[in-house]
Structure formats: structure tokens, C-alpha cells
Amino acid sequence: MRATIWFSAALVVIVLVVGRLLAIPFSSSVDLRAIETSGVVAIVVQVCAFLLARRSTGPGLGSGWALGIGLRFVAVVSYGAVAVRVLGMPAPVALISLVSFFFVSTLIEPKLLTI
């Protein structure tokens, strides 16, 4: 439970910092909405992927981590279809921000999985 709280807190900080950096080149109101929406989606998906990896059985947590990678891939593809077609967000901003949030937060995940 402690690791999940630490991961969630670090994830929120990552989304805020990376989102702020992405707001420099993508500064229109539509772009900012896409970055905010991507941040929320990234937090939900990353926490679910982290919990999946934590609850997986077996040595090394490899199977749970692989499931998390699959979950992230499905989330990017689904979000790209939904965000662009249904919500009318610009595809480059929505996908670049989501993938950026995933990438940076995935870098801290292995360390917190072992706590």
C-alpha cells in the first residue's frame, strides 16, 4: 500500500511538471485541454498498471509488468481514437502528452515495485 501511495504522489508530480513543459510549445486552449485530459488518463492507467504489477505472482514481477505494458499500449490506441474522433482534440498534442506521461512515469516504476 505504501508503494502505491508513493507511486501515485510521484505520478502526480510528473504529470504536473511534464504537462507544464508541454504547455510551452502547445499553448492554445485546445492544446492545454488535451494535455490536461491526457494527464488524467495517464494517472488512471499508470496506477492500474502499477497495481497489476504489484499483485502479479511469480518471480521478478515480470508478468505483471508485461501486462502493464499491454495496458498502456491499449490505452494509447484507444485514447487516440476517442480523443481525436469523439472529443475533438488535436491528435499530436493528445498522443505526445499521453506517451510522455507514460514514458517518464514508467522510469520510476521499477524502483517503487520493489518496496
PDB file of N, CA and C in Angstrom:
ATOM      1  N   MET A   1       0.827  -1.191   0.000  1.00  0.00           N
ATOM      2  CA  MET A   1       0.000   0.000   0.000  1.00  0.00           C
ATOM      3  C   MET A   1       0.878   1.264   0.000  1.00  0.00           C
ATOM      4  N   ARG A   2       1.951   1.215   0.759  1.00  0.00           N
ATOM      5  CA  ARG A   2       2.840   2.371   0.852  1.00  0.00           C
ATOM      6  C   ARG A   2       3.459   2.692  -0.504  1.00  0.00           C
ATOM      7  N   ALA A   3       3.851   1.659  -1.240  1.00  0.00           N
ATOM      8  CA  ALA A   3       4.457   1.864  -2.558  1.00  0.00           C
ATOM      9  C   ALA A   3       3.465   2.499  -3.527  1.00  0.00           C
ATOM     10  N   THR A   4       2.204   2.105  -3.434  1.00  0.00           N
ATOM     11  CA  THR A   4       1.176   2.666  -4.315  1.00  0.00           C
ATOM     12  C   THR A   4       0.966   4.147  -4.019  1.00  0.00           C
ATOM     13  N   ILE A   5       0.996   4.504  -2.761  1.00  0.00           N
ATOM     14  CA  ILE A   5       0.842   5.916  -2.395  1.00  0.00           C
ATOM     15  C   ILE A   5       2.030   6.730  -2.900  1.00  0.00           C
ATOM     16  N   TRP A   6       3.241   6.196  -2.720  1.00  0.00           N
ATOM     17  CA  TRP A   6       4.436   6.884  -3.209  1.00  0.00           C
ATOM     18  C   TRP A   6       4.395   7.024  -4.730  1.00  0.00           C
ATOM     19  N   PHE A   7       4.010   5.952  -5.404  1.00  0.00           N
ATOM     20  CA  PHE A   7       3.937   5.990  -6.865  1.00  0.00           C
ATOM     21  C   PHE A   7       2.899   7.003  -7.326  1.00  0.00           C
ATOM     22  N   SER A   8       1.744   7.011  -6.692  1.00  0.00           N
ATOM     23  CA  SER A   8       0.685   7.949  -7.071  1.00  0.00           C
ATOM     24  C   SER A   8       1.120   9.396  -6.864  1.00  0.00           C
ATOM     25  N   ALA A   9       1.782   9.658  -5.746  1.00  0.00           N
ATOM     26  CA  ALA A   9       2.258  11.019  -5.476  1.00  0.00           C
ATOM     27  C   ALA A   9       3.321  11.432  -6.505  1.00  0.00           C
ATOM     28  N   ALA A  10       4.251  10.535  -6.783  1.00  0.00           N
ATOM     29  CA  ALA A  10       5.287  10.831  -7.778  1.00  0.00           C
ATOM     30  C   ALA A  10       4.666  11.017  -9.158  1.00  0.00           C
ATOM     31  N   LEU A  11       3.655  10.241  -9.450  1.00  0.00           N
ATOM     32  CA  LEU A  11       2.974  10.327 -10.738  1.00  0.00           C
ATOM     33  C   LEU A  11       2.294  11.679 -10.910  1.00  0.00           C
ATOM     34  N   VAL A  12       1.659  12.166  -9.880  1.00  0.00           N
ATOM     35  CA  VAL A  12       1.007  13.478  -9.956  1.00  0.00           C
ATOM     36  C   VAL A  12       2.058  14.568 -10.201  1.00  0.00           C
ATOM     37  N   VAL A  13       3.171  14.492  -9.510  1.00  0.00           N
ATOM     38  CA  VAL A  13       4.244  15.475  -9.701  1.00  0.00           C
ATOM     39  C   VAL A  13       4.776  15.393 -11.134  1.00  0.00           C
ATOM     40  N   ILE A  14       4.977  14.190 -11.633  1.00  0.00           N
ATOM     41  CA  ILE A  14       5.467  14.012 -13.005  1.00  0.00           C
ATOM     42  C   ILE A  14       4.500  14.607 -14.011  1.00  0.00           C
ATOM     43  N   VAL A  15       3.219  14.326 -13.835  1.00  0.00           N
ATOM     44  CA  VAL A  15       2.216  14.856 -14.770  1.00  0.00           C
ATOM     45  C   VAL A  15       2.198  16.383 -14.725  1.00  0.00           C
ATOM     46  N   LEU A  16       2.305  16.961 -13.549  1.00  0.00           N
ATOM     47  CA  LEU A  16       2.312  18.424 -13.445  1.00  0.00           C
ATOM     48  C   LEU A  16       3.554  19.035 -14.106  1.00  0.00           C
ATOM     49  N   VAL A  17       4.714  18.456 -13.851  1.00  0.00           N
ATOM     50  CA  VAL A  17       5.957  19.011 -14.410  1.00  0.00           C
ATOM     51  C   VAL A  17       6.011  18.809 -15.929  1.00  0.00           C
ATOM     52  N   VAL A  18       5.764  17.599 -16.376  1.00  0.00           N
ATOM     53  CA  VAL A  18       5.810  17.319 -17.818  1.00  0.00           C
ATOM     54  C   VAL A  18       4.705  18.096 -18.542  1.00  0.00           C
ATOM     55  N   GLY A  19       3.548  18.182 -17.932  1.00  0.00           N
ATOM     56  CA  GLY A  19       2.451  18.961 -18.523  1.00  0.00           C
ATOM     57  C   GLY A  19       2.807  20.430 -18.672  1.00  0.00           C
ATOM     58  N   ARG A  20       3.491  20.961 -17.669  1.00  0.00           N
ATOM     59  CA  ARG A  20       3.946  22.358 -17.726  1.00  0.00           C
ATOM     60  C   ARG A  20       4.952  22.551 -18.855  1.00  0.00           C
ATOM     61  N   LEU A  21       5.861  21.592 -19.013  1.00  0.00           N
ATOM     62  CA  LEU A  21       6.851  21.674 -20.095  1.00  0.00           C
ATOM     63  C   LEU A  21       6.187  21.547 -21.476  1.00  0.00           C
ATOM     64  N   LEU A  22       5.190  20.679 -21.569  1.00  0.00           N
ATOM     65  CA  LEU A  22       4.490  20.519 -22.847  1.00  0.00           C
ATOM     66  C   LEU A  22       3.633  21.734 -23.184  1.00  0.00           C
ATOM     67  N   ALA A  23       3.239  22.495 -22.170  1.00  0.00           N
ATOM     68  CA  ALA A  23       2.414  23.681 -22.401  1.00  0.00           C
ATOM     69  C   ALA A  23       3.213  24.810 -23.043  1.00  0.00           C
ATOM     70  N   ILE A  24       4.535  24.683 -23.075  1.00  0.00           N
ATOM     71  CA  ILE A  24       5.358  25.714 -23.718  1.00  0.00           C
ATOM     72  C   ILE A  24       5.162  25.681 -25.239  1.00  0.00           C
ATOM     73  N   PRO A  25       5.379  24.535 -25.896  1.00  0.00           N
ATOM     74  CA  PRO A  25       5.162  24.541 -27.350  1.00  0.00           C
ATOM     75  C   PRO A  25       3.687  24.424 -27.740  1.00  0.00           C
ATOM     76  N   PHE A  26       2.884  23.820 -26.889  1.00  0.00           N
ATOM     77  CA  PHE A  26       1.456  23.639 -27.182  1.00  0.00           C
ATOM     78  C   PHE A  26       0.660  24.529 -26.242  1.00  0.00           C
ATOM     79  N   SER A  27       0.410  25.762 -26.650  1.00  0.00           N
ATOM     80  CA  SER A  27      -0.140  26.732 -25.707  1.00  0.00           C
ATOM     81  C   SER A  27      -1.565  27.197 -26.001  1.00  0.00           C
ATOM     82  N   SER A  28      -2.178  26.726 -27.060  1.00  0.00           N
ATOM     83  CA  SER A  28      -3.559  27.141 -27.317  1.00  0.00           C
ATOM     84  C   SER A  28      -4.490  26.477 -26.301  1.00  0.00           C
ATOM     85  N   SER A  29      -5.684  27.001 -26.179  1.00  0.00           N
ATOM     86  CA  SER A  29      -6.619  26.456 -25.185  1.00  0.00           C
ATOM     87  C   SER A  29      -7.010  25.014 -25.511  1.00  0.00           C
ATOM     88  N   VAL A  30      -7.124  24.685 -26.777  1.00  0.00           N
ATOM     89  CA  VAL A  30      -7.452  23.312 -27.177  1.00  0.00           C
ATOM     90  C   VAL A  30      -6.291  22.378 -26.834  1.00  0.00           C
ATOM     91  N   ASP A  31      -5.074  22.845 -27.059  1.00  0.00           N
ATOM     92  CA  ASP A  31      -3.894  22.050 -26.732  1.00  0.00           C
ATOM     93  C   ASP A  31      -3.796  21.813 -25.224  1.00  0.00           C
ATOM     94  N   LEU A  32      -4.038  22.854 -24.438  1.00  0.00           N
ATOM     95  CA  LEU A  32      -3.966  22.716 -22.984  1.00  0.00           C
ATOM     96  C   LEU A  32      -5.017  21.752 -22.452  1.00  0.00           C
ATOM     97  N   ARG A  33      -6.197  21.772 -23.063  1.00  0.00           N
ATOM     98  CA  ARG A  33      -7.252  20.825 -22.670  1.00  0.00           C
ATOM     99  C   ARG A  33      -6.828  19.396 -22.984  1.00  0.00           C
ATOM    100  N   ALA A  34      -6.175  19.206 -24.118  1.00  0.00           N
ATOM    101  CA  ALA A  34      -5.689  17.874 -24.494  1.00  0.00           C
ATOM    102  C   ALA A  34      -4.613  17.397 -23.517  1.00  0.00           C
ATOM    103  N   ILE A  35      -3.727  18.302 -23.100  1.00  0.00           N
ATOM    104  CA  ILE A  35      -2.678  17.935 -22.142  1.00  0.00           C
ATOM    105  C   ILE A  35      -3.292  17.573 -20.796  1.00  0.00           C
ATOM    106  N   GLU A  36      -4.264  18.347 -20.340  1.00  0.00           N
ATOM    107  CA  GLU A  36      -4.925  18.056 -19.062  1.00  0.00           C
ATOM    108  C   GLU A  36      -5.654  16.708 -19.108  1.00  0.00           C
ATOM    109  N   THR A  37      -6.374  16.467 -20.186  1.00  0.00           N
ATOM    110  CA  THR A  37      -7.098  15.209 -20.324  1.00  0.00           C
ATOM    111  C   THR A  37      -6.125  14.035 -20.385  1.00  0.00           C
ATOM    112  N   SER A  38      -5.037  14.207 -21.100  1.00  0.00           N
ATOM    113  CA  SER A  38      -4.022  13.159 -21.179  1.00  0.00           C
ATOM    114  C   SER A  38      -3.411  12.884 -19.813  1.00  0.00           C
ATOM    115  N   GLY A  39      -3.238  13.916 -19.019  1.00  0.00           N
ATOM    116  CA  GLY A  39      -2.712  13.754 -17.666  1.00  0.00           C
ATOM    117  C   GLY A  39      -3.629  12.918 -16.792  1.00  0.00           C
ATOM    118  N   VAL A  40      -4.907  13.177 -16.868  1.00  0.00           N
ATOM    119  CA  VAL A  40      -5.871  12.397 -16.079  1.00  0.00           C
ATOM    120  C   VAL A  40      -5.872  10.940 -16.530  1.00  0.00           C
ATOM    121  N   VAL A  41      -5.897  10.737 -17.845  1.00  0.00           N
ATOM    122  CA  VAL A  41      -5.878   9.369 -18.373  1.00  0.00           C
ATOM    123  C   VAL A  41      -4.589   8.659 -17.959  1.00  0.00           C
ATOM    124  N   ALA A  42      -3.473   9.353 -18.038  1.00  0.00           N
ATOM    125  CA  ALA A  42      -2.186   8.745 -17.669  1.00  0.00           C
ATOM    126  C   ALA A  42      -2.172   8.337 -16.197  1.00  0.00           C
ATOM    127  N   ILE A  43      -2.694   9.171 -15.331  1.00  0.00           N
ATOM    128  CA  ILE A  43      -2.711   8.839 -13.904  1.00  0.00           C
ATOM    129  C   ILE A  43      -3.540   7.587 -13.654  1.00  0.00           C
ATOM    130  N   VAL A  44      -4.722   7.533 -14.236  1.00  0.00           N
ATOM    131  CA  VAL A  44      -5.603   6.373 -14.029  1.00  0.00           C
ATOM    132  C   VAL A  44      -4.956   5.100 -14.571  1.00  0.00           C
ATOM    133  N   VAL A  45      -4.445   5.152 -15.788  1.00  0.00           N
ATOM    134  CA  VAL A  45      -3.862   3.962 -16.412  1.00  0.00           C
ATOM    135  C   VAL A  45      -2.586   3.532 -15.684  1.00  0.00           C
ATOM    136  N   GLN A  46      -1.741   4.484 -15.317  1.00  0.00           N
ATOM    137  CA  GLN A  46      -0.489   4.138 -14.645  1.00  0.00           C
ATOM    138  C   GLN A  46      -0.723   3.530 -13.270  1.00  0.00           C
ATOM    139  N   VAL A  47      -1.675   4.046 -12.523  1.00  0.00           N
ATOM    140  CA  VAL A  47      -1.964   3.460 -11.208  1.00  0.00           C
ATOM    141  C   VAL A  47      -2.516   2.043 -11.380  1.00  0.00           C
ATOM    142  N   CYS A  48      -3.379   1.848 -12.374  1.00  0.00           N
ATOM    143  CA  CYS A  48      -3.899   0.493 -12.639  1.00  0.00           C
ATOM    144  C   CYS A  48      -2.766  -0.448 -13.048  1.00  0.00           C
ATOM    145  N   ALA A  49      -1.871   0.020 -13.914  1.00  0.00           N
ATOM    146  CA  ALA A  49      -0.740  -0.810 -14.343  1.00  0.00           C
ATOM    147  C   ALA A  49       0.184  -1.122 -13.169  1.00  0.00           C
ATOM    148  N   PHE A  50       0.397  -0.157 -12.295  1.00  0.00           N
ATOM    149  CA  PHE A  50       1.241  -0.370 -11.124  1.00  0.00           C
ATOM    150  C   PHE A  50       0.618  -1.403 -10.186  1.00  0.00           C
ATOM    151  N   LEU A  51      -0.679  -1.281  -9.970  1.00  0.00           N
ATOM    152  CA  LEU A  51      -1.364  -2.252  -9.112  1.00  0.00           C
ATOM    153  C   LEU A  51      -1.333  -3.651  -9.732  1.00  0.00           C
ATOM    154  N   LEU A  52      -1.475  -3.723 -11.041  1.00  0.00           N
ATOM    155  CA  LEU A  52      -1.378  -5.010 -11.737  1.00  0.00           C
ATOM    156  C   LEU A  52      -0.010  -5.640 -11.503  1.00  0.00           C
ATOM    157  N   ALA A  53       1.026  -4.849 -11.641  1.00  0.00           N
ATOM    158  CA  ALA A  53       2.385  -5.362 -11.453  1.00  0.00           C
ATOM    159  C   ALA A  53       2.623  -5.758 -10.000  1.00  0.00           C
ATOM    160  N   ARG A  54       2.081  -5.009  -9.061  1.00  0.00           N
ATOM    161  CA  ARG A  54       2.262  -5.322  -7.640  1.00  0.00           C
ATOM    162  C   ARG A  54       1.546  -6.608  -7.252  1.00  0.00           C
ATOM    163  N   ARG A  55       0.406  -6.851  -7.865  1.00  0.00           N
ATOM    164  CA  ARG A  55      -0.394  -8.016  -7.485  1.00  0.00           C
ATOM    165  C   ARG A  55      -0.025  -9.278  -8.254  1.00  0.00           C
ATOM    166  N   SER A  56       0.842  -9.142  -9.242  1.00  0.00           N
ATOM    167  CA  SER A  56       1.207 -10.317 -10.028  1.00  0.00           C
ATOM    168  C   SER A  56       2.014 -11.280  -9.174  1.00  0.00           C
ATOM    169  N   THR A  57       1.852 -12.520  -9.490  1.00  0.00           N
ATOM    170  CA  THR A  57       2.601 -13.536  -8.762  1.00  0.00           C
ATOM    171  C   THR A  57       3.767 -14.004  -9.610  1.00  0.00           C
ATOM    172  N   GLY A  58       4.697 -14.623  -8.971  1.00  0.00           N
ATOM    173  CA  GLY A  58       5.841 -15.157  -9.695  1.00  0.00           C
ATOM    174  C   GLY A  58       7.093 -14.358  -9.406  1.00  0.00           C
ATOM    175  N   PRO A  59       8.211 -14.936  -9.778  1.00  0.00           N
ATOM    176  CA  PRO A  59       9.487 -14.262  -9.505  1.00  0.00           C
ATOM    177  C   PRO A  59       9.700 -13.045 -10.399  1.00  0.00           C
ATOM    178  N   GLY A  60      10.181 -11.986  -9.802  1.00  0.00           N
ATOM    179  CA  GLY A  60      10.598 -10.819 -10.555  1.00  0.00           C
ATOM    180  C   GLY A  60       9.506  -9.885 -11.035  1.00  0.00           C
ATOM    181  N   LEU A  61       8.267 -10.166 -10.790  1.00  0.00           N
ATOM    182  CA  LEU A  61       7.146  -9.314 -11.202  1.00  0.00           C
ATOM    183  C   LEU A  61       7.072  -9.104 -12.712  1.00  0.00           C
ATOM    184  N   GLY A  62       7.753  -9.919 -13.480  1.00  0.00           N
ATOM    185  CA  GLY A  62       7.817  -9.737 -14.931  1.00  0.00           C
ATOM    186  C   GLY A  62       6.483  -9.857 -15.635  1.00  0.00           C
ATOM    187  N   SER A  63       5.658 -10.804 -15.222  1.00  0.00           N
ATOM    188  CA  SER A  63       4.371 -10.980 -15.902  1.00  0.00           C
ATOM    189  C   SER A  63       3.449  -9.791 -15.654  1.00  0.00           C
ATOM    190  N   GLY A  64       3.445  -9.281 -14.450  1.00  0.00           N
ATOM    191  CA  GLY A  64       2.610  -8.116 -14.145  1.00  0.00           C
ATOM    192  C   GLY A  64       3.095  -6.878 -14.872  1.00  0.00           C
ATOM    193  N   TRP A  65       4.402  -6.747 -14.986  1.00  0.00           N
ATOM    194  CA  TRP A  65       4.953  -5.602 -15.692  1.00  0.00           C
ATOM    195  C   TRP A  65       4.606  -5.682 -17.177  1.00  0.00           C
ATOM    196  N   ALA A  66       4.646  -6.890 -17.736  1.00  0.00           N
ATOM    197  CA  ALA A  66       4.272  -7.087 -19.145  1.00  0.00           C
ATOM    198  C   ALA A  66       2.795  -6.769 -19.362  1.00  0.00           C
ATOM    199  N   LEU A  67       1.951  -7.152 -18.417  1.00  0.00           N
ATOM    200  CA  LEU A  67       0.530  -6.804 -18.516  1.00  0.00           C
ATOM    201  C   LEU A  67       0.343  -5.286 -18.479  1.00  0.00           C
ATOM    202  N   GLY A  68       1.133  -4.620 -17.658  1.00  0.00           N
ATOM    203  CA  GLY A  68       1.073  -3.162 -17.593  1.00  0.00           C
ATOM    204  C   GLY A  68       1.472  -2.512 -18.899  1.00  0.00           C
ATOM    205  N   ILE A  69       2.476  -3.070 -19.559  1.00  0.00           N
ATOM    206  CA  ILE A  69       2.891  -2.549 -20.865  1.00  0.00           C
ATOM    207  C   ILE A  69       1.758  -2.710 -21.869  1.00  0.00           C
ATOM    208  N   GLY A  70       1.122  -3.884 -21.845  1.00  0.00           N
ATOM    209  CA  GLY A  70      -0.020  -4.111 -22.732  1.00  0.00           C
ATOM    210  C   GLY A  70      -1.161  -3.147 -22.449  1.00  0.00           C
ATOM    211  N   LEU A  71      -1.418  -2.901 -21.172  1.00  0.00           N
ATOM    212  CA  LEU A  71      -2.471  -1.960 -20.783  1.00  0.00           C
ATOM    213  C   LEU A  71      -2.162  -0.554 -21.306  1.00  0.00           C
ATOM    214  N   ARG A  72      -0.911  -0.134 -21.201  1.00  0.00           N
ATOM    215  CA  ARG A  72      -0.524   1.185 -21.705  1.00  0.00           C
ATOM    216  C   ARG A  72      -0.683   1.277 -23.223  1.00  0.00           C
ATOM    217  N   PHE A  73      -0.309   0.200 -23.917  1.00  0.00           N
ATOM    218  CA  PHE A  73      -0.439   0.192 -25.376  1.00  0.00           C
ATOM    219  C   PHE A  73      -1.903   0.314 -25.786  1.00  0.00           C
ATOM    220  N   VAL A  74      -2.762  -0.467 -25.155  1.00  0.00           N
ATOM    221  CA  VAL A  74      -4.197  -0.395 -25.460  1.00  0.00           C
ATOM    222  C   VAL A  74      -4.747   0.989 -25.123  1.00  0.00           C
ATOM    223  N   ALA A  75      -4.270   1.569 -24.034  1.00  0.00           N
ATOM    224  CA  ALA A  75      -4.734   2.899 -23.635  1.00  0.00           C
ATOM    225  C   ALA A  75      -4.342   3.954 -24.672  1.00  0.00           C
ATOM    226  N   VAL A  76      -3.125   3.881 -25.201  1.00  0.00           N
ATOM    227  CA  VAL A  76      -2.686   4.865 -26.195  1.00  0.00           C
ATOM    228  C   VAL A  76      -3.525   4.736 -27.463  1.00  0.00           C
ATOM    229  N   VAL A  77      -3.721   3.522 -27.934  1.00  0.00           N
ATOM    230  CA  VAL A  77      -4.507   3.319 -29.158  1.00  0.00           C
ATOM    231  C   VAL A  77      -5.958   3.756 -28.950  1.00  0.00           C
ATOM    232  N   SER A  78      -6.552   3.346 -27.846  1.00  0.00           N
ATOM    233  CA  SER A  78      -7.942   3.712 -27.558  1.00  0.00           C
ATOM    234  C   SER A  78      -8.091   5.213 -27.367  1.00  0.00           C
ATOM    235  N   TYR A  79      -7.180   5.800 -26.623  1.00  0.00           N
ATOM    236  CA  TYR A  79      -7.238   7.236 -26.367  1.00  0.00           C
ATOM    237  C   TYR A  79      -7.073   8.021 -27.659  1.00  0.00           C
ATOM    238  N   GLY A  80      -6.188   7.554 -28.524  1.00  0.00           N
ATOM    239  CA  GLY A  80      -6.017   8.227 -29.801  1.00  0.00           C
ATOM    240  C   GLY A  80      -7.302   8.246 -30.601  1.00  0.00           C
ATOM    241  N   ALA A  81      -8.015   7.140 -30.610  1.00  0.00           N
ATOM    242  CA  ALA A  81      -9.277   7.072 -31.345  1.00  0.00           C
ATOM    243  C   ALA A  81     -10.353   7.917 -30.682  1.00  0.00           C
ATOM    244  N   VAL A  82     -10.472   7.814 -29.374  1.00  0.00           N
ATOM    245  CA  VAL A  82     -11.529   8.534 -28.654  1.00  0.00           C
ATOM    246  C   VAL A  82     -11.231  10.025 -28.593  1.00  0.00           C
ATOM    247  N   ALA A  83     -10.018  10.399 -28.226  1.00  0.00           N
ATOM    248  CA  ALA A  83      -9.681  11.815 -28.049  1.00  0.00           C
ATOM    249  C   ALA A  83      -9.805  12.590 -29.358  1.00  0.00           C
ATOM    250  N   VAL A  84      -9.387  11.972 -30.426  1.00  0.00           N
ATOM    251  CA  VAL A  84      -9.402  12.680 -31.709  1.00  0.00           C
ATOM    252  C   VAL A  84     -10.797  12.699 -32.309  1.00  0.00           C
ATOM    253  N   ARG A  85     -11.440  11.566 -32.346  1.00  0.00           N
ATOM    254  CA  ARG A  85     -12.738  11.486 -33.018  1.00  0.00           C
ATOM    255  C   ARG A  85     -13.898  11.993 -32.161  1.00  0.00           C
ATOM    256  N   VAL A  86     -13.951  11.569 -30.931  1.00  0.00           N
ATOM    257  CA  VAL A  86     -15.119  11.891 -30.093  1.00  0.00           C
ATOM    258  C   VAL A  86     -14.958  13.245 -29.402  1.00  0.00           C
ATOM    259  N   LEU A  87     -13.805  13.478 -28.798  1.00  0.00           N
ATOM    260  CA  LEU A  87     -13.602  14.701 -28.022  1.00  0.00           C
ATOM    261  C   LEU A  87     -13.062  15.860 -28.857  1.00  0.00           C
ATOM    262  N   GLY A  88     -12.639  15.587 -30.084  1.00  0.00           N
ATOM    263  CA  GLY A  88     -12.174  16.642 -30.974  1.00  0.00           C
ATOM    264  C   GLY A  88     -10.865  17.291 -30.568  1.00  0.00           C
ATOM    265  N   MET A  89     -10.008  16.534 -29.909  1.00  0.00           N
ATOM    266  CA  MET A  89      -8.711  17.068 -29.511  1.00  0.00           C
ATOM    267  C   MET A  89      -7.711  16.911 -30.644  1.00  0.00           C
ATOM    268  N   PRO A  90      -6.706  17.780 -30.685  1.00  0.00           N
ATOM    269  CA  PRO A  90      -5.659  17.616 -31.701  1.00  0.00           C
ATOM    270  C   PRO A  90      -4.838  16.357 -31.417  1.00  0.00           C
ATOM    271  N   ALA A  91      -4.752  15.488 -32.403  1.00  0.00           N
ATOM    272  CA  ALA A  91      -4.088  14.194 -32.217  1.00  0.00           C
ATOM    273  C   ALA A  91      -2.631  14.313 -31.786  1.00  0.00           C
ATOM    274  N   PRO A  92      -1.832  15.182 -32.400  1.00  0.00           N
ATOM    275  CA  PRO A  92      -0.423  15.239 -31.980  1.00  0.00           C
ATOM    276  C   PRO A  92      -0.263  15.599 -30.504  1.00  0.00           C
ATOM    277  N   VAL A  93      -0.976  16.593 -30.053  1.00  0.00           N
ATOM    278  CA  VAL A  93      -0.842  17.033 -28.656  1.00  0.00           C
ATOM    279  C   VAL A  93      -1.356  15.969 -27.700  1.00  0.00           C
ATOM    280  N   ALA A  94      -2.508  15.396 -27.998  1.00  0.00           N
ATOM    281  CA  ALA A  94      -3.095  14.385 -27.115  1.00  0.00           C
ATOM    282  C   ALA A  94      -2.176  13.173 -26.984  1.00  0.00           C
ATOM    283  N   LEU A  95      -1.660  12.696 -28.087  1.00  0.00           N
ATOM    284  CA  LEU A  95      -0.834  11.489 -28.047  1.00  0.00           C
ATOM    285  C   LEU A  95       0.583  11.754 -27.544  1.00  0.00           C
ATOM    286  N   ILE A  96       1.175  12.877 -27.930  1.00  0.00           N
ATOM    287  CA  ILE A  96       2.510  13.205 -27.437  1.00  0.00           C
ATOM    288  C   ILE A  96       2.483  13.372 -25.924  1.00  0.00           C
ATOM    289  N   SER A  97       1.465  14.046 -25.408  1.00  0.00           N
ATOM    290  CA  SER A  97       1.405  14.259 -23.961  1.00  0.00           C
ATOM    291  C   SER A  97       1.159  12.944 -23.220  1.00  0.00           C
ATOM    292  N   LEU A  98       0.254  12.114 -23.708  1.00  0.00           N
ATOM    293  CA  LEU A  98      -0.020  10.848 -23.034  1.00  0.00           C
ATOM    294  C   LEU A  98       1.218   9.955 -23.025  1.00  0.00           C
ATOM    295  N   VAL A  99       1.863   9.823 -24.165  1.00  0.00           N
ATOM    296  CA  VAL A  99       3.055   8.976 -24.244  1.00  0.00           C
ATOM    297  C   VAL A  99       4.194   9.555 -23.393  1.00  0.00           C
ATOM    298  N   SER A 100       4.310  10.863 -23.337  1.00  0.00           N
ATOM    299  CA  SER A 100       5.334  11.487 -22.493  1.00  0.00           C
ATOM    300  C   SER A 100       5.084  11.193 -21.023  1.00  0.00           C
ATOM    301  N   PHE A 101       3.838  11.307 -20.589  1.00  0.00           N
ATOM    302  CA  PHE A 101       3.500  10.991 -19.201  1.00  0.00           C
ATOM    303  C   PHE A 101       3.803   9.526 -18.894  1.00  0.00           C
ATOM    304  N   PHE A 102       3.421   8.646 -19.808  1.00  0.00           N
ATOM    305  CA  PHE A 102       3.693   7.219 -19.615  1.00  0.00           C
ATOM    306  C   PHE A 102       5.191   6.945 -19.533  1.00  0.00           C
ATOM    307  N   PHE A 103       5.941   7.520 -20.456  1.00  0.00           N
ATOM    308  CA  PHE A 103       7.378   7.244 -20.509  1.00  0.00           C
ATOM    309  C   PHE A 103       8.083   7.680 -19.233  1.00  0.00           C
ATOM    310  N   VAL A 104       7.876   8.911 -18.829  1.00  0.00           N
ATOM    311  CA  VAL A 104       8.592   9.432 -17.666  1.00  0.00           C
ATOM    312  C   VAL A 104       8.171   8.691 -16.399  1.00  0.00           C
ATOM    313  N   SER A 105       6.891   8.432 -16.244  1.00  0.00           N
ATOM    314  CA  SER A 105       6.452   7.754 -15.022  1.00  0.00           C
ATOM    315  C   SER A 105       6.837   6.278 -15.007  1.00  0.00           C
ATOM    316  N   THR A 106       6.993   5.675 -16.176  1.00  0.00           N
ATOM    317  CA  THR A 106       7.435   4.287 -16.226  1.00  0.00           C
ATOM    318  C   THR A 106       8.899   4.147 -15.780  1.00  0.00           C
ATOM    319  N   LEU A 107       9.658   5.205 -15.886  1.00  0.00           N
ATOM    320  CA  LEU A 107      11.045   5.172 -15.461  1.00  0.00           C
ATOM    321  C   LEU A 107      11.181   5.006 -13.941  1.00  0.00           C
ATOM    322  N   ILE A 108      10.222   5.507 -13.177  1.00  0.00           N
ATOM    323  CA  ILE A 108      10.301   5.374 -11.713  1.00  0.00           C
ATOM    324  C   ILE A 108       9.609   4.124 -11.197  1.00  0.00           C
ATOM    325  N   GLU A 109       8.812   3.502 -12.033  1.00  0.00           N
ATOM    326  CA  GLU A 109       8.020   2.351 -11.609  1.00  0.00           C
ATOM    327  C   GLU A 109       8.848   1.185 -11.077  1.00  0.00           C
ATOM    328  N   PRO A 110       9.911   0.742 -11.736  1.00  0.00           N
ATOM    329  CA  PRO A 110      10.653  -0.425 -11.232  1.00  0.00           C
ATOM    330  C   PRO A 110      11.181  -0.249  -9.811  1.00  0.00           C
ATOM    331  N   LYS A 111      11.637   0.942  -9.504  1.00  0.00           N
ATOM    332  CA  LYS A 111      12.171   1.186  -8.160  1.00  0.00           C
ATOM    333  C   LYS A 111      11.077   1.045  -7.106  1.00  0.00           C
ATOM    334  N   LEU A 112       9.890   1.545  -7.399  1.00  0.00           N
ATOM    335  CA  LEU A 112       8.799   1.500  -6.424  1.00  0.00           C
ATOM    336  C   LEU A 112       8.121   0.132  -6.379  1.00  0.00           C
ATOM    337  N   LEU A 113       8.296  -0.676  -7.407  1.00  0.00           N
ATOM    338  CA  LEU A 113       7.726  -2.028  -7.375  1.00  0.00           C
ATOM    339  C   LEU A 113       8.435  -2.921  -6.351  1.00  0.00           C
ATOM    340  N   THR A 114       9.667  -2.588  -6.059  1.00  0.00           N
ATOM    341  CA  THR A 114      10.435  -3.443  -5.147  1.00  0.00           C
ATOM    342  C   THR A 114      10.309  -3.043  -3.679  1.00  0.00           C
ATOM    343  N   ILE A 115       9.564  -1.978  -3.393  1.00  0.00           N
ATOM    344  CA  ILE A 115       9.397  -1.556  -1.994  1.00  0.00           C
ATOM    345  C   ILE A 115       8.452  -2.496  -1.284  1.00  0.00           C
TER     346      ILE A 115
END
